Amino acid sequence: MLSKLGILITILVLVLLFFFVISFGAGAFSKGKVRSETKRYLRSVNILLIIVAVVGSILVLFL
């Protein structure tokens, strides 16, 4: 069974992995210009991932 630290690291690694997959899929790493709709989408996804990371961290550290 994983310890609290192991669970926290797993949550943060998964959030980072989701960030890279979604950014790559939206074309954020391409050499072409990124459209404003895509920038807004990525900003919203980043906010959602930050919320997931913070809530996951709080749950792991305080439970």
N, C-alpha and C. Protein backbone atom coordinates (compact mmCIF):
# COMPACT_ATOMS: atom_id res chain seq x y z
N MET A 1 0.85 -1.18 0.00
CA MET A 1 0.00 0.00 0.00
C MET A 1 0.89 1.24 0.00
N LEU A 2 0.46 2.24 -0.74
CA LEU A 2 1.25 3.47 -0.84
C LEU A 2 1.07 4.34 0.40
N SER A 3 2.13 5.04 0.74
CA SER A 3 2.04 5.98 1.85
C SER A 3 1.40 7.27 1.35
N LYS A 4 1.20 8.20 2.25
CA LYS A 4 0.62 9.49 1.85
C LYS A 4 1.49 10.21 0.83
N LEU A 5 2.78 10.14 1.03
CA LEU A 5 3.70 10.80 0.10
C LEU A 5 3.63 10.15 -1.28
N GLY A 6 3.52 8.85 -1.32
CA GLY A 6 3.41 8.15 -2.60
C GLY A 6 2.14 8.50 -3.34
N ILE A 7 1.04 8.62 -2.60
CA ILE A 7 -0.23 9.01 -3.21
C ILE A 7 -0.16 10.44 -3.72
N LEU A 8 0.44 11.33 -2.96
CA LEU A 8 0.59 12.72 -3.37
C LEU A 8 1.43 12.84 -4.64
N ILE A 9 2.53 12.11 -4.68
CA ILE A 9 3.38 12.14 -5.87
C ILE A 9 2.65 11.58 -7.07
N THR A 10 1.87 10.51 -6.86
CA THR A 10 1.09 9.93 -7.95
C THR A 10 0.07 10.92 -8.50
N ILE A 11 -0.62 11.63 -7.62
CA ILE A 11 -1.61 12.62 -8.04
C ILE A 11 -0.94 13.73 -8.84
N LEU A 12 0.17 14.24 -8.35
CA LEU A 12 0.86 15.33 -9.04
C LEU A 12 1.45 14.89 -10.38
N VAL A 13 1.95 13.67 -10.46
CA VAL A 13 2.48 13.16 -11.73
C VAL A 13 1.35 12.99 -12.74
N LEU A 14 0.20 12.49 -12.30
CA LEU A 14 -0.94 12.34 -13.20
C LEU A 14 -1.45 13.69 -13.70
N VAL A 15 -1.50 14.68 -12.83
CA VAL A 15 -1.92 16.02 -13.25
C VAL A 15 -0.94 16.59 -14.27
N LEU A 16 0.35 16.40 -14.04
CA LEU A 16 1.37 16.87 -14.98
C LEU A 16 1.25 16.14 -16.31
N LEU A 17 0.99 14.84 -16.27
CA LEU A 17 0.81 14.06 -17.49
C LEU A 17 -0.42 14.53 -18.26
N PHE A 18 -1.52 14.78 -17.56
CA PHE A 18 -2.72 15.31 -18.21
C PHE A 18 -2.45 16.66 -18.85
N PHE A 19 -1.67 17.51 -18.17
CA PHE A 19 -1.33 18.81 -18.72
C PHE A 19 -0.60 18.67 -20.06
N PHE A 20 0.42 17.80 -20.09
CA PHE A 20 1.18 17.63 -21.33
C PHE A 20 0.33 17.03 -22.44
N VAL A 21 -0.50 16.05 -22.13
CA VAL A 21 -1.33 15.41 -23.15
C VAL A 21 -2.34 16.41 -23.73
N ILE A 22 -3.00 17.16 -22.87
CA ILE A 22 -4.00 18.12 -23.34
C ILE A 22 -3.34 19.27 -24.11
N SER A 23 -2.21 19.75 -23.62
CA SER A 23 -1.50 20.83 -24.32
C SER A 23 -1.00 20.36 -25.68
N PHE A 24 -0.46 19.15 -25.73
CA PHE A 24 0.02 18.62 -27.00
C PHE A 24 -1.14 18.41 -27.98
N GLY A 25 -2.26 17.91 -27.48
CA GLY A 25 -3.42 17.70 -28.33
C GLY A 25 -4.02 19.00 -28.84
N ALA A 26 -3.92 20.06 -28.06
CA ALA A 26 -4.48 21.36 -28.47
C ALA A 26 -3.52 22.13 -29.36
N GLY A 27 -2.31 21.65 -29.51
CA GLY A 27 -1.36 22.31 -30.40
C GLY A 27 -0.54 23.39 -29.73
N ALA A 28 -0.42 23.36 -28.43
CA ALA A 28 0.33 24.40 -27.73
C ALA A 28 1.83 24.29 -27.99
N PHE A 29 2.32 23.10 -28.33
CA PHE A 29 3.75 22.91 -28.56
C PHE A 29 4.12 22.96 -30.03
N SER A 30 3.16 23.27 -30.88
CA SER A 30 3.45 23.35 -32.32
C SER A 30 4.14 24.67 -32.64
N LYS A 31 4.79 24.71 -33.78
CA LYS A 31 5.53 25.91 -34.16
C LYS A 31 4.63 26.98 -34.75
N GLY A 32 3.43 26.62 -35.14
CA GLY A 32 2.50 27.59 -35.70
C GLY A 32 1.88 28.46 -34.61
N LYS A 33 1.15 29.46 -35.03
CA LYS A 33 0.52 30.37 -34.07
C LYS A 33 -0.69 29.70 -33.44
N VAL A 34 -0.84 29.88 -32.14
CA VAL A 34 -1.96 29.31 -31.39
C VAL A 34 -3.12 30.30 -31.41
N ARG A 35 -4.31 29.82 -31.75
CA ARG A 35 -5.48 30.70 -31.83
C ARG A 35 -5.93 31.12 -30.44
N SER A 36 -6.66 32.22 -30.38
CA SER A 36 -7.10 32.76 -29.09
C SER A 36 -8.08 31.81 -28.40
N GLU A 37 -8.91 31.09 -29.18
CA GLU A 37 -9.83 30.12 -28.57
C GLU A 37 -9.06 29.00 -27.89
N THR A 38 -7.98 28.58 -28.52
CA THR A 38 -7.16 27.52 -27.95
C THR A 38 -6.47 28.01 -26.68
N LYS A 39 -6.02 29.25 -26.68
CA LYS A 39 -5.40 29.80 -25.47
C LYS A 39 -6.39 29.86 -24.31
N ARG A 40 -7.63 30.28 -24.60
CA ARG A 40 -8.64 30.31 -23.55
C ARG A 40 -8.95 28.91 -23.04
N TYR A 41 -9.02 27.94 -23.97
CA TYR A 41 -9.27 26.55 -23.59
C TYR A 41 -8.15 26.04 -22.69
N LEU A 42 -6.91 26.28 -23.07
CA LEU A 42 -5.78 25.81 -22.27
C LEU A 42 -5.73 26.49 -20.91
N ARG A 43 -6.10 27.77 -20.86
CA ARG A 43 -6.14 28.47 -19.57
C ARG A 43 -7.17 27.83 -18.65
N SER A 44 -8.34 27.50 -19.20
CA SER A 44 -9.39 26.85 -18.41
C SER A 44 -8.96 25.47 -17.94
N VAL A 45 -8.30 24.73 -18.81
CA VAL A 45 -7.81 23.41 -18.43
C VAL A 45 -6.75 23.53 -17.35
N ASN A 46 -5.87 24.51 -17.46
CA ASN A 46 -4.84 24.71 -16.44
C ASN A 46 -5.45 25.04 -15.09
N ILE A 47 -6.48 25.87 -15.08
CA ILE A 47 -7.16 26.20 -13.83
C ILE A 47 -7.79 24.95 -13.22
N LEU A 48 -8.43 24.14 -14.06
CA LEU A 48 -9.04 22.90 -13.58
C LEU A 48 -7.99 21.95 -13.02
N LEU A 49 -6.87 21.81 -13.69
CA LEU A 49 -5.81 20.92 -13.20
C LEU A 49 -5.20 21.44 -11.89
N ILE A 50 -5.08 22.75 -11.76
CA ILE A 50 -4.57 23.31 -10.50
C ILE A 50 -5.54 23.01 -9.37
N ILE A 51 -6.84 23.14 -9.62
CA ILE A 51 -7.85 22.84 -8.60
C ILE A 51 -7.78 21.37 -8.21
N VAL A 52 -7.64 20.49 -9.19
CA VAL A 52 -7.54 19.05 -8.90
C VAL A 52 -6.30 18.76 -8.07
N ALA A 53 -5.18 19.37 -8.41
CA ALA A 53 -3.93 19.15 -7.66
C ALA A 53 -4.04 19.67 -6.23
N VAL A 54 -4.64 20.84 -6.06
CA VAL A 54 -4.76 21.41 -4.71
C VAL A 54 -5.71 20.58 -3.85
N VAL A 55 -6.86 20.21 -4.40
CA VAL A 55 -7.81 19.41 -3.64
C VAL A 55 -7.23 18.04 -3.31
N GLY A 56 -6.56 17.42 -4.27
CA GLY A 56 -5.92 16.14 -4.02
C GLY A 56 -4.85 16.24 -2.94
N SER A 57 -4.06 17.30 -2.98
CA SER A 57 -3.03 17.50 -1.97
C SER A 57 -3.63 17.70 -0.59
N ILE A 58 -4.69 18.49 -0.52
CA ILE A 58 -5.34 18.72 0.77
C ILE A 58 -5.92 17.43 1.32
N LEU A 59 -6.57 16.65 0.48
CA LEU A 59 -7.15 15.40 0.94
C LEU A 59 -6.09 14.42 1.41
N VAL A 60 -4.99 14.33 0.68
CA VAL A 60 -3.94 13.40 1.07
C VAL A 60 -3.26 13.84 2.35
N LEU A 61 -2.99 15.12 2.49
CA LEU A 61 -2.22 15.59 3.65
C LEU A 61 -3.05 15.66 4.93
N PHE A 62 -4.36 15.88 4.82
CA PHE A 62 -5.15 16.05 6.03
C PHE A 62 -6.00 14.84 6.39
N LEU A 63 -6.03 13.83 5.55
CA LEU A 63 -6.82 12.64 5.90
C LEU A 63 -5.93 11.48 6.28
